[in-house]
C-alpha cells in the first residue's frame, strides 16, 4: 500500500481498457480505500488517488448519446414481446410526466 504513487494510479487509468465512466467509478472506490487507510488506520500518510480522477467534462464528452424509442416503437415492442398483463406497466402516457 505504501508503494502506490499518483503516477501508478494515472498509469493504471490510462492503460486500462475500459470506458472513462467505468474508470471513474473504480477510481472512486480505490480513492475511498486509500482514504480509509490514511484516515482510519494511518497505514499511509497520503492518498495516492488524490487529484488523479478523470474529470467530469471528459467523462460526459466520452459517453455515447442516448437513443430513445419513439412512442410507436415502444408500442410495437410491448405488443410483440410482452404478455398482456405487463403491457400497461411498460407503457406510460406522455402526459403523465409533469
C-alpha atoms as a PDB file:
ATOM      1  CA  UNK A   1       0.000   0.000   0.000  1.00  0.00           C
ATOM      2  CA  UNK A   2       2.847   2.387   0.801  1.00  0.00           C
ATOM      3  CA  UNK A   3       4.403   1.791  -2.620  1.00  0.00           C
ATOM      4  CA  UNK A   4       1.447   3.057  -4.705  1.00  0.00           C
ATOM      5  CA  UNK A   5       2.068   6.524  -6.128  1.00  0.00           C
ATOM      6  CA  UNK A   6      -0.133   9.016  -8.005  1.00  0.00           C
ATOM      7  CA  UNK A   7       1.894   8.117 -11.102  1.00  0.00           C
ATOM      8  CA  UNK A   8       0.894   4.448 -10.638  1.00  0.00           C
ATOM      9  CA  UNK A   9      -2.767   5.433 -10.422  1.00  0.00           C
ATOM     10  CA  UNK A  10      -2.548   7.574 -13.571  1.00  0.00           C
ATOM     11  CA  UNK A  11      -0.774   4.775 -15.463  1.00  0.00           C
ATOM     12  CA  UNK A  12      -3.409   2.267 -14.369  1.00  0.00           C
ATOM     13  CA  UNK A  13      -6.179   4.554 -15.556  1.00  0.00           C
ATOM     14  CA  UNK A  14      -4.522   5.284 -18.890  1.00  0.00           C
ATOM     15  CA  UNK A  15      -3.665   1.655 -19.692  1.00  0.00           C
ATOM     16  CA  UNK A  16      -6.869   0.005 -18.504  1.00  0.00           C
ATOM     17  CA  UNK A  17      -9.093  -0.849 -21.459  1.00  0.00           C
ATOM     18  CA  UNK A  18     -12.410   0.370 -20.036  1.00  0.00           C
ATOM     19  CA  UNK A  19     -14.700   3.314 -20.638  1.00  0.00           C
ATOM     20  CA  UNK A  20     -13.937   6.535 -18.843  1.00  0.00           C
ATOM     21  CA  UNK A  21     -17.081   6.308 -16.699  1.00  0.00           C
ATOM     22  CA  UNK A  22     -16.073   2.824 -15.526  1.00  0.00           C
ATOM     23  CA  UNK A  23     -12.581   4.097 -14.774  1.00  0.00           C
ATOM     24  CA  UNK A  24     -14.057   6.979 -12.771  1.00  0.00           C
ATOM     25  CA  UNK A  25     -16.245   4.587 -10.770  1.00  0.00           C
ATOM     26  CA  UNK A  26     -13.335   2.299  -9.929  1.00  0.00           C
ATOM     27  CA  UNK A  27     -11.118   5.277  -9.174  1.00  0.00           C
ATOM     28  CA  UNK A  28     -13.720   6.462  -6.661  1.00  0.00           C
ATOM     29  CA  UNK A  29     -13.695   3.077  -4.952  1.00  0.00           C
ATOM     30  CA  UNK A  30      -9.898   2.977  -4.885  1.00  0.00           C
ATOM     31  CA  UNK A  31      -9.827   6.546  -3.553  1.00  0.00           C
ATOM     32  CA  UNK A  32     -12.136   5.509  -0.698  1.00  0.00           C
ATOM     33  CA  UNK A  33      -9.954   2.515   0.178  1.00  0.00           C
ATOM     34  CA  UNK A  34      -6.837   4.666   0.349  1.00  0.00           C
ATOM     35  CA  UNK A  35      -8.715   7.371   2.289  1.00  0.00           C
ATOM     36  CA  UNK A  36      -9.676   4.692   4.820  1.00  0.00           C
ATOM     37  CA  UNK A  37      -6.015   3.657   5.048  1.00  0.00           C
ATOM     38  CA  UNK A  38      -4.959   7.270   5.655  1.00  0.00           C
ATOM     39  CA  UNK A  39      -7.723   8.493   7.960  1.00  0.00           C
ATOM     40  CA  UNK A  40      -8.798   5.450   9.932  1.00  0.00           C
ATOM     41  CA  UNK A  41      -5.628   3.438  10.333  1.00  0.00           C
ATOM     42  CA  UNK A  42      -2.651   5.632   9.369  1.00  0.00           C
ATOM     43  CA  UNK A  43      -1.240   2.852   7.189  1.00  0.00           C
ATOM     44  CA  UNK A  44      -0.114   5.600   4.808  1.00  0.00           C
ATOM     45  CA  UNK A  45       0.138   9.371   5.110  1.00  0.00           C
ATOM     46  CA  UNK A  46      -1.015  10.457   1.636  1.00  0.00           C
ATOM     47  CA  UNK A  47      -3.808   9.180  -0.594  1.00  0.00           C
ATOM     48  CA  UNK A  48      -2.165   8.378  -3.964  1.00  0.00           C
ATOM     49  CA  UNK A  49      -5.531   8.743  -5.705  1.00  0.00           C
ATOM     50  CA  UNK A  50      -5.878  12.397  -4.737  1.00  0.00           C
ATOM     51  CA  UNK A  51      -6.008  14.672  -7.787  1.00  0.00           C
ATOM     52  CA  UNK A  52      -5.878  11.757 -10.246  1.00  0.00           C
ATOM     53  CA  UNK A  53      -9.582  11.271 -11.042  1.00  0.00           C
ATOM     54  CA  UNK A  54     -10.861  11.632 -14.606  1.00  0.00           C
ATOM     55  CA  UNK A  55     -12.676  14.970 -14.949  1.00  0.00           C
ATOM     56  CA  UNK A  56     -16.462  15.184 -15.259  1.00  0.00           C
ATOM     57  CA  UNK A  57     -16.363  17.111 -18.571  1.00  0.00           C
ATOM     58  CA  UNK A  58     -14.116  14.426 -20.055  1.00  0.00           C
ATOM     59  CA  UNK A  59     -16.413  11.649 -18.832  1.00  0.00           C
ATOM     60  CA  UNK A  60     -19.506  13.385 -20.227  1.00  0.00           C
ATOM     61  CA  UNK A  61     -17.792  14.029 -23.553  1.00  0.00           C
ATOM     62  CA  UNK A  62     -16.898  10.355 -23.902  1.00  0.00           C
ATOM     63  CA  UNK A  63     -20.373   8.995 -23.113  1.00  0.00           C
ATOM     64  CA  UNK A  64     -22.386   7.986 -26.158  1.00  0.00           C
ATOM     65  CA  UNK A  65     -25.535   9.885 -26.999  1.00  0.00           C
ATOM     66  CA  UNK A  66     -28.618   8.052 -25.779  1.00  0.00           C
ATOM     67  CA  UNK A  67     -31.227   6.956 -28.268  1.00  0.00           C
ATOM     68  CA  UNK A  68     -34.812   6.558 -27.103  1.00  0.00           C
ATOM     69  CA  UNK A  69     -37.642   4.584 -28.624  1.00  0.00           C
ATOM     70  CA  UNK A  70     -40.391   6.588 -30.245  1.00  0.00           C
ATOM     71  CA  UNK A  71     -43.911   6.070 -28.943  1.00  0.00           C
ATOM     72  CA  UNK A  72     -44.709   3.858 -31.954  1.00  0.00           C
ATOM     73  CA  UNK A  73     -41.553   1.777 -31.447  1.00  0.00           C
ATOM     74  CA  UNK A  74     -42.345   1.360 -27.772  1.00  0.00           C
ATOM     75  CA  UNK A  75     -45.879   0.209 -28.561  1.00  0.00           C
ATOM     76  CA  UNK A  76     -44.593  -2.258 -31.168  1.00  0.00           C
ATOM     77  CA  UNK A  77     -42.064  -3.630 -28.688  1.00  0.00           C
ATOM     78  CA  UNK A  78     -44.598  -4.104 -25.898  1.00  0.00           C
ATOM     79  CA  UNK A  79     -47.190  -5.576 -28.257  1.00  0.00           C
ATOM     80  CA  UNK A  80     -44.743  -8.106 -29.670  1.00  0.00           C
ATOM     81  CA  UNK A  81     -42.597  -9.027 -26.699  1.00  0.00           C
ATOM     82  CA  UNK A  82     -44.599  -8.776 -23.521  1.00  0.00           C
ATOM     83  CA  UNK A  83     -47.527 -10.792 -22.254  1.00  0.00           C
ATOM     84  CA  UNK A  84     -50.686  -8.724 -21.981  1.00  0.00           C
ATOM     85  CA  UNK A  85     -50.743  -8.312 -18.137  1.00  0.00           C
ATOM     86  CA  UNK A  86     -47.463  -6.349 -18.234  1.00  0.00           C
ATOM     87  CA  UNK A  87     -48.179  -4.188 -21.263  1.00  0.00           C
ATOM     88  CA  UNK A  88     -49.838  -1.411 -19.292  1.00  0.00           C
ATOM     89  CA  UNK A  89     -46.929  -1.468 -16.833  1.00  0.00           C
ATOM     90  CA  UNK A  90     -44.447  -0.759 -19.608  1.00  0.00           C
ATOM     91  CA  UNK A  91     -46.480   1.848 -21.438  1.00  0.00           C
ATOM     92  CA  UNK A  92     -46.950   5.255 -19.855  1.00  0.00           C
ATOM     93  CA  UNK A  93     -48.767   8.152 -21.449  1.00  0.00           C
ATOM     94  CA  UNK A  94     -46.572  11.120 -22.387  1.00  0.00           C
ATOM     95  CA  UNK A  95     -48.866  13.461 -20.438  1.00  0.00           C
ATOM     96  CA  UNK A  96     -48.158  11.659 -17.150  1.00  0.00           C
ATOM     97  CA  UNK A  97     -44.705  13.262 -16.864  1.00  0.00           C
ATOM     98  CA  UNK A  98     -45.388  16.581 -15.205  1.00  0.00           C
END
